[in-house]
């Protein structure tokens, strides 16, 4: 286990902090406020690694207690192009219709910054996700829940869109927003004292 003063998660996502807690990575959560625009010529993997690094650095510069600062950014990619968050219901419908019956990629960049040494290591993790063919009724029913409006690609795997997904190739937690195996390994490689939770009964076993 880790001390909550040791790891700082630079993210406003409740899903990421929940994943950290489920895997025994105690952390302090401090959202980062940075510009998330895609730079000219930047491919999706480069984009998420840059943003994850900038998030970790931005929070580390707040001079908060902490040793390892973790940043993450996730995008949904279809035909090589990043799909953002829908601006309205019409855009959400178009996004989900374009994903219907097709495979796309979820790419998450993770960065770990050691505030004591200045070492920062980044990685991009890709998961292939195949949607079943969706009916207009299914898409409209999901949009009516309000869930797509703040999600990249207009869906969340852990929400009402779970039955849209035919198959996943790669990390499941990556699709939620934080590839935990890769993050664990990255923290370990940088000397963080992390270990699997043990002892007692856990509700999520």
C-alpha atoms as a PDB file:
ATOM      1  CA  UNK A   1       0.000   0.000   0.000  1.00  0.00           C
ATOM      2  CA  UNK A   2       1.042   3.629  -0.351  1.00  0.00           C
ATOM      3  CA  UNK A   3       0.664   6.730   1.757  1.00  0.00           C
ATOM      4  CA  UNK A   4      -1.911   9.232   0.486  1.00  0.00           C
ATOM      5  CA  UNK A   5       0.801  11.884   0.858  1.00  0.00           C
ATOM      6  CA  UNK A   6       3.087   9.930  -1.489  1.00  0.00           C
ATOM      7  CA  UNK A   7       0.959   9.805  -4.666  1.00  0.00           C
ATOM      8  CA  UNK A   8      -1.021  12.728  -6.064  1.00  0.00           C
ATOM      9  CA  UNK A   9      -3.507  12.047  -8.875  1.00  0.00           C
ATOM     10  CA  UNK A  10      -3.759  15.076 -11.160  1.00  0.00           C
ATOM     11  CA  UNK A  11      -7.272  14.363 -12.394  1.00  0.00           C
ATOM     12  CA  UNK A  12     -10.856  15.491 -11.817  1.00  0.00           C
ATOM     13  CA  UNK A  13     -12.208  12.119 -13.000  1.00  0.00           C
ATOM     14  CA  UNK A  14     -14.049  10.198 -10.264  1.00  0.00           C
ATOM     15  CA  UNK A  15     -13.567   7.030 -12.311  1.00  0.00           C
ATOM     16  CA  UNK A  16      -9.777   7.321 -12.106  1.00  0.00           C
ATOM     17  CA  UNK A  17      -9.765   7.911  -8.361  1.00  0.00           C
ATOM     18  CA  UNK A  18     -12.128   4.940  -7.907  1.00  0.00           C
ATOM     19  CA  UNK A  19      -9.751   2.708  -9.882  1.00  0.00           C
ATOM     20  CA  UNK A  20      -6.819   3.870  -7.750  1.00  0.00           C
ATOM     21  CA  UNK A  21      -8.755   3.034  -4.579  1.00  0.00           C
ATOM     22  CA  UNK A  22      -9.879  -0.379  -5.855  1.00  0.00           C
ATOM     23  CA  UNK A  23      -6.288  -1.411  -6.540  1.00  0.00           C
ATOM     24  CA  UNK A  24      -4.937  -0.165  -3.228  1.00  0.00           C
ATOM     25  CA  UNK A  25      -3.147   2.926  -4.513  1.00  0.00           C
ATOM     26  CA  UNK A  26      -3.915   5.522  -1.878  1.00  0.00           C
ATOM     27  CA  UNK A  27      -3.637   8.994  -3.323  1.00  0.00           C
ATOM     28  CA  UNK A  28      -4.561  12.614  -2.942  1.00  0.00           C
ATOM     29  CA  UNK A  29      -6.694  13.950  -5.813  1.00  0.00           C
ATOM     30  CA  UNK A  30      -5.879  17.410  -7.194  1.00  0.00           C
ATOM     31  CA  UNK A  31      -7.367  18.300 -10.615  1.00  0.00           C
ATOM     32  CA  UNK A  32      -5.103  19.948 -13.179  1.00  0.00           C
ATOM     33  CA  UNK A  33      -6.246  22.961 -15.185  1.00  0.00           C
ATOM     34  CA  UNK A  34      -4.506  22.911 -18.571  1.00  0.00           C
ATOM     35  CA  UNK A  35      -5.375  23.530 -22.224  1.00  0.00           C
ATOM     36  CA  UNK A  36      -6.289  20.213 -23.863  1.00  0.00           C
ATOM     37  CA  UNK A  37      -6.291  21.298 -27.517  1.00  0.00           C
ATOM     38  CA  UNK A  38      -4.652  19.009 -30.060  1.00  0.00           C
ATOM     39  CA  UNK A  39      -1.491  20.526 -31.544  1.00  0.00           C
ATOM     40  CA  UNK A  40      -0.970  20.592 -35.329  1.00  0.00           C
ATOM     41  CA  UNK A  41       0.502  17.299 -36.555  1.00  0.00           C
ATOM     42  CA  UNK A  42       0.098  15.630 -33.154  1.00  0.00           C
ATOM     43  CA  UNK A  43      -1.059  12.016 -33.343  1.00  0.00           C
ATOM     44  CA  UNK A  44      -3.405  10.602 -30.660  1.00  0.00           C
ATOM     45  CA  UNK A  45      -0.694   8.783 -28.669  1.00  0.00           C
ATOM     46  CA  UNK A  46       1.567  11.851 -28.663  1.00  0.00           C
ATOM     47  CA  UNK A  47      -1.395  14.000 -27.639  1.00  0.00           C
ATOM     48  CA  UNK A  48      -2.407  11.957 -24.580  1.00  0.00           C
ATOM     49  CA  UNK A  49       1.189  11.516 -23.403  1.00  0.00           C
ATOM     50  CA  UNK A  50       1.809  15.249 -23.657  1.00  0.00           C
ATOM     51  CA  UNK A  51      -1.357  16.106 -21.753  1.00  0.00           C
ATOM     52  CA  UNK A  52      -0.723  13.501 -19.058  1.00  0.00           C
ATOM     53  CA  UNK A  53       2.767  14.914 -18.565  1.00  0.00           C
ATOM     54  CA  UNK A  54       1.486  18.504 -18.469  1.00  0.00           C
ATOM     55  CA  UNK A  55      -1.190  17.586 -15.921  1.00  0.00           C
ATOM     56  CA  UNK A  56       1.344  15.932 -13.622  1.00  0.00           C
ATOM     57  CA  UNK A  57       3.715  18.876 -13.959  1.00  0.00           C
ATOM     58  CA  UNK A  58       0.990  21.488 -13.402  1.00  0.00           C
ATOM     59  CA  UNK A  59      -0.092  19.945 -10.110  1.00  0.00           C
ATOM     60  CA  UNK A  60       3.487  19.302  -8.986  1.00  0.00           C
ATOM     61  CA  UNK A  61       4.176  23.024  -9.473  1.00  0.00           C
ATOM     62  CA  UNK A  62       1.486  23.840  -6.895  1.00  0.00           C
ATOM     63  CA  UNK A  63       4.085  22.924  -4.261  1.00  0.00           C
ATOM     64  CA  UNK A  64       1.796  20.392  -2.582  1.00  0.00           C
ATOM     65  CA  UNK A  65       2.972  17.530  -0.363  1.00  0.00           C
ATOM     66  CA  UNK A  66       3.654  14.485  -2.510  1.00  0.00           C
ATOM     67  CA  UNK A  67       6.380  12.404  -4.087  1.00  0.00           C
ATOM     68  CA  UNK A  68       4.835  10.920  -7.243  1.00  0.00           C
ATOM     69  CA  UNK A  69       2.436  12.986  -9.356  1.00  0.00           C
ATOM     70  CA  UNK A  70       0.256  10.986 -11.762  1.00  0.00           C
ATOM     71  CA  UNK A  71      -1.335  12.512 -14.847  1.00  0.00           C
ATOM     72  CA  UNK A  72      -3.642  10.798 -17.333  1.00  0.00           C
ATOM     73  CA  UNK A  73      -5.613  11.660 -20.439  1.00  0.00           C
ATOM     74  CA  UNK A  74      -7.922   9.449 -22.514  1.00  0.00           C
ATOM     75  CA  UNK A  75      -9.184   9.802 -26.072  1.00  0.00           C
ATOM     76  CA  UNK A  76     -11.448   7.761 -28.329  1.00  0.00           C
ATOM     77  CA  UNK A  77     -10.032   7.351 -31.825  1.00  0.00           C
ATOM     78  CA  UNK A  78     -11.934   6.339 -34.959  1.00  0.00           C
ATOM     79  CA  UNK A  79     -10.151   6.012 -38.314  1.00  0.00           C
ATOM     80  CA  UNK A  80      -7.090   7.665 -36.817  1.00  0.00           C
ATOM     81  CA  UNK A  81      -8.960  10.776 -35.669  1.00  0.00           C
ATOM     82  CA  UNK A  82      -9.660  11.840 -32.098  1.00  0.00           C
ATOM     83  CA  UNK A  83     -13.330  12.014 -31.103  1.00  0.00           C
ATOM     84  CA  UNK A  84     -13.919  14.661 -28.461  1.00  0.00           C
ATOM     85  CA  UNK A  85     -16.835  15.114 -26.091  1.00  0.00           C
ATOM     86  CA  UNK A  86     -20.175  15.882 -27.753  1.00  0.00           C
ATOM     87  CA  UNK A  87     -21.329  19.498 -27.602  1.00  0.00           C
ATOM     88  CA  UNK A  88     -25.010  18.556 -27.767  1.00  0.00           C
ATOM     89  CA  UNK A  89     -27.376  15.632 -28.258  1.00  0.00           C
ATOM     90  CA  UNK A  90     -27.171  15.811 -32.050  1.00  0.00           C
ATOM     91  CA  UNK A  91     -23.402  15.479 -31.936  1.00  0.00           C
ATOM     92  CA  UNK A  92     -23.678  12.618 -29.451  1.00  0.00           C
ATOM     93  CA  UNK A  93     -26.035  10.830 -31.859  1.00  0.00           C
ATOM     94  CA  UNK A  94     -23.595  11.303 -34.748  1.00  0.00           C
ATOM     95  CA  UNK A  95     -20.676  10.004 -32.683  1.00  0.00           C
ATOM     96  CA  UNK A  96     -22.479   6.895 -31.487  1.00  0.00           C
ATOM     97  CA  UNK A  97     -23.832   6.237 -34.989  1.00  0.00           C
ATOM     98  CA  UNK A  98     -20.289   6.400 -36.389  1.00  0.00           C
ATOM     99  CA  UNK A  99     -19.095   3.877 -33.771  1.00  0.00           C
ATOM    100  CA  UNK A 100     -21.997   1.499 -34.455  1.00  0.00           C
ATOM    101  CA  UNK A 101     -20.844  -1.884 -35.740  1.00  0.00           C
ATOM    102  CA  UNK A 102     -17.222  -0.758 -35.931  1.00  0.00           C
ATOM    103  CA  UNK A 103     -13.947  -1.095 -34.090  1.00  0.00           C
ATOM    104  CA  UNK A 104     -12.260   1.928 -32.562  1.00  0.00           C
ATOM    105  CA  UNK A 105      -9.367   2.612 -30.196  1.00  0.00           C
ATOM    106  CA  UNK A 106      -9.296   4.009 -26.694  1.00  0.00           C
ATOM    107  CA  UNK A 107      -5.879   5.498 -25.974  1.00  0.00           C
ATOM    108  CA  UNK A 108      -4.805   6.671 -22.535  1.00  0.00           C
ATOM    109  CA  UNK A 109      -1.600   8.491 -21.779  1.00  0.00           C
ATOM    110  CA  UNK A 110      -0.191   8.102 -18.287  1.00  0.00           C
ATOM    111  CA  UNK A 111       2.677  10.057 -16.758  1.00  0.00           C
ATOM    112  CA  UNK A 112       4.416   9.690 -13.425  1.00  0.00           C
ATOM    113  CA  UNK A 113       6.538  12.596 -12.220  1.00  0.00           C
ATOM    114  CA  UNK A 114       8.976  12.083  -9.354  1.00  0.00           C
ATOM    115  CA  UNK A 115       8.932  15.511  -7.724  1.00  0.00           C
ATOM    116  CA  UNK A 116      12.137  14.810  -5.811  1.00  0.00           C
ATOM    117  CA  UNK A 117      14.324  13.819  -8.748  1.00  0.00           C
ATOM    118  CA  UNK A 118      12.442  15.553 -11.565  1.00  0.00           C
ATOM    119  CA  UNK A 119      12.213  12.272 -13.496  1.00  0.00           C
ATOM    120  CA  UNK A 120       9.011  12.002 -15.555  1.00  0.00           C
ATOM    121  CA  UNK A 121       8.039   8.863 -17.442  1.00  0.00           C
ATOM    122  CA  UNK A 122       5.142   8.606 -19.885  1.00  0.00           C
ATOM    123  CA  UNK A 123       3.375   5.801 -21.688  1.00  0.00           C
ATOM    124  CA  UNK A 124       0.411   5.444 -24.048  1.00  0.00           C
ATOM    125  CA  UNK A 125      -1.839   2.389 -23.780  1.00  0.00           C
ATOM    126  CA  UNK A 126      -4.224   1.372 -26.571  1.00  0.00           C
ATOM    127  CA  UNK A 127      -7.307  -0.840 -26.335  1.00  0.00           C
ATOM    128  CA  UNK A 128      -9.382  -1.925 -29.336  1.00  0.00           C
ATOM    129  CA  UNK A 129     -13.140  -1.799 -28.736  1.00  0.00           C
ATOM    130  CA  UNK A 130     -15.767  -3.276 -31.075  1.00  0.00           C
ATOM    131  CA  UNK A 131     -19.339  -1.971 -30.909  1.00  0.00           C
ATOM    132  CA  UNK A 132     -22.308  -4.025 -31.980  1.00  0.00           C
ATOM    133  CA  UNK A 133     -24.630  -2.514 -34.573  1.00  0.00           C
ATOM    134  CA  UNK A 134     -26.788   0.010 -32.712  1.00  0.00           C
ATOM    135  CA  UNK A 135     -30.378   0.915 -33.475  1.00  0.00           C
ATOM    136  CA  UNK A 136     -31.597   4.515 -33.400  1.00  0.00           C
ATOM    137  CA  UNK A 137     -33.793   3.558 -30.450  1.00  0.00           C
ATOM    138  CA  UNK A 138     -30.795   2.275 -28.469  1.00  0.00           C
ATOM    139  CA  UNK A 139     -28.764   5.399 -29.236  1.00  0.00           C
ATOM    140  CA  UNK A 140     -31.605   7.773 -28.338  1.00  0.00           C
ATOM    141  CA  UNK A 141     -32.372   5.900 -25.122  1.00  0.00           C
ATOM    142  CA  UNK A 142     -28.743   6.175 -24.052  1.00  0.00           C
ATOM    143  CA  UNK A 143     -28.565   9.873 -24.937  1.00  0.00           C
ATOM    144  CA  UNK A 144     -31.728  10.458 -22.870  1.00  0.00           C
ATOM    145  CA  UNK A 145     -29.820   9.315 -19.762  1.00  0.00           C
ATOM    146  CA  UNK A 146     -27.437  12.263 -20.151  1.00  0.00           C
ATOM    147  CA  UNK A 147     -24.403   9.980 -19.822  1.00  0.00           C
ATOM    148  CA  UNK A 148     -22.794  10.721 -23.211  1.00  0.00           C
ATOM    149  CA  UNK A 149     -22.508  14.470 -22.727  1.00  0.00           C
ATOM    150  CA  UNK A 150     -19.239  14.615 -20.789  1.00  0.00           C
ATOM    151  CA  UNK A 151     -17.599  11.516 -22.265  1.00  0.00           C
ATOM    152  CA  UNK A 152     -15.006  11.226 -25.015  1.00  0.00           C
ATOM    153  CA  UNK A 153     -16.648   9.425 -27.914  1.00  0.00           C
ATOM    154  CA  UNK A 154     -20.047   9.962 -26.210  1.00  0.00           C
ATOM    155  CA  UNK A 155     -19.972   6.795 -24.111  1.00  0.00           C
ATOM    156  CA  UNK A 156     -18.666   5.226 -20.913  1.00  0.00           C
ATOM    157  CA  UNK A 157     -18.044   1.486 -20.676  1.00  0.00           C
ATOM    158  CA  UNK A 158     -18.990   1.368 -16.990  1.00  0.00           C
ATOM    159  CA  UNK A 159     -22.347   3.036 -17.637  1.00  0.00           C
ATOM    160  CA  UNK A 160     -25.382   2.386 -19.790  1.00  0.00           C
ATOM    161  CA  UNK A 161     -23.268   1.753 -22.875  1.00  0.00           C
ATOM    162  CA  UNK A 162     -21.865  -1.494 -21.485  1.00  0.00           C
ATOM    163  CA  UNK A 163     -24.224  -3.546 -23.673  1.00  0.00           C
ATOM    164  CA  UNK A 164     -23.008  -1.749 -26.812  1.00  0.00           C
ATOM    165  CA  UNK A 165     -19.638  -3.456 -26.642  1.00  0.00           C
ATOM    166  CA  UNK A 166     -19.137  -6.676 -28.600  1.00  0.00           C
ATOM    167  CA  UNK A 167     -15.501  -7.224 -27.651  1.00  0.00           C
ATOM    168  CA  UNK A 168     -12.430  -5.625 -26.114  1.00  0.00           C
ATOM    169  CA  UNK A 169      -8.818  -6.360 -27.014  1.00  0.00           C
ATOM    170  CA  UNK A 170      -6.483  -4.958 -24.394  1.00  0.00           C
ATOM    171  CA  UNK A 171      -6.816  -3.304 -21.003  1.00  0.00           C
ATOM    172  CA  UNK A 172     -10.367  -2.959 -19.647  1.00  0.00           C
ATOM    173  CA  UNK A 173      -9.394  -0.311 -17.097  1.00  0.00           C
ATOM    174  CA  UNK A 174      -7.824   1.664 -19.932  1.00  0.00           C
ATOM    175  CA  UNK A 175     -11.287   2.066 -21.456  1.00  0.00           C
ATOM    176  CA  UNK A 176     -12.529   3.414 -18.121  1.00  0.00           C
ATOM    177  CA  UNK A 177      -9.695   5.930 -18.183  1.00  0.00           C
ATOM    178  CA  UNK A 178      -6.667   4.543 -16.350  1.00  0.00           C
ATOM    179  CA  UNK A 179      -4.685   1.415 -17.379  1.00  0.00           C
ATOM    180  CA  UNK A 180      -3.924   0.131 -13.898  1.00  0.00           C
ATOM    181  CA  UNK A 181      -1.441  -2.637 -14.759  1.00  0.00           C
ATOM    182  CA  UNK A 182       0.744  -0.249 -16.729  1.00  0.00           C
ATOM    183  CA  UNK A 183       0.446   2.491 -14.083  1.00  0.00           C
ATOM    184  CA  UNK A 184       1.385   0.034 -11.345  1.00  0.00           C
ATOM    185  CA  UNK A 185       4.446  -1.065 -13.309  1.00  0.00           C
ATOM    186  CA  UNK A 186       5.435   2.532 -14.046  1.00  0.00           C
ATOM    187  CA  UNK A 187       5.241   3.477 -10.371  1.00  0.00           C
ATOM    188  CA  UNK A 188       7.238   0.407  -9.379  1.00  0.00           C
ATOM    189  CA  UNK A 189       9.917   1.158 -11.978  1.00  0.00           C
ATOM    190  CA  UNK A 190      10.350   4.597 -10.418  1.00  0.00           C
ATOM    191  CA  UNK A 191      10.755   3.253  -6.900  1.00  0.00           C
ATOM    192  CA  UNK A 192       7.280   3.838  -5.505  1.00  0.00           C
ATOM    193  CA  UNK A 193       6.475   1.481  -2.626  1.00  0.00           C
ATOM    194  CA  UNK A 194       3.362  -0.067  -4.154  1.00  0.00           C
ATOM    195  CA  UNK A 195       2.024  -3.533  -3.553  1.00  0.00           C
ATOM    196  CA  UNK A 196      -1.221  -5.391  -4.054  1.00  0.00           C
ATOM    197  CA  UNK A 197      -3.797  -4.851  -1.281  1.00  0.00           C
ATOM    198  CA  UNK A 198      -3.903  -7.730   1.175  1.00  0.00           C
ATOM    199  CA  UNK A 199      -5.550  -8.778   4.395  1.00  0.00           C
ATOM    200  CA  UNK A 200      -9.165  -8.478   5.484  1.00  0.00           C
ATOM    201  CA  UNK A 201     -12.283  -8.661   3.401  1.00  0.00           C
ATOM    202  CA  UNK A 202     -12.919  -6.299   0.520  1.00  0.00           C
ATOM    203  CA  UNK A 203     -16.325  -5.481  -0.973  1.00  0.00           C
ATOM    204  CA  UNK A 204     -14.909  -5.576  -4.509  1.00  0.00           C
ATOM    205  CA  UNK A 205     -13.109  -8.931  -4.331  1.00  0.00           C
END
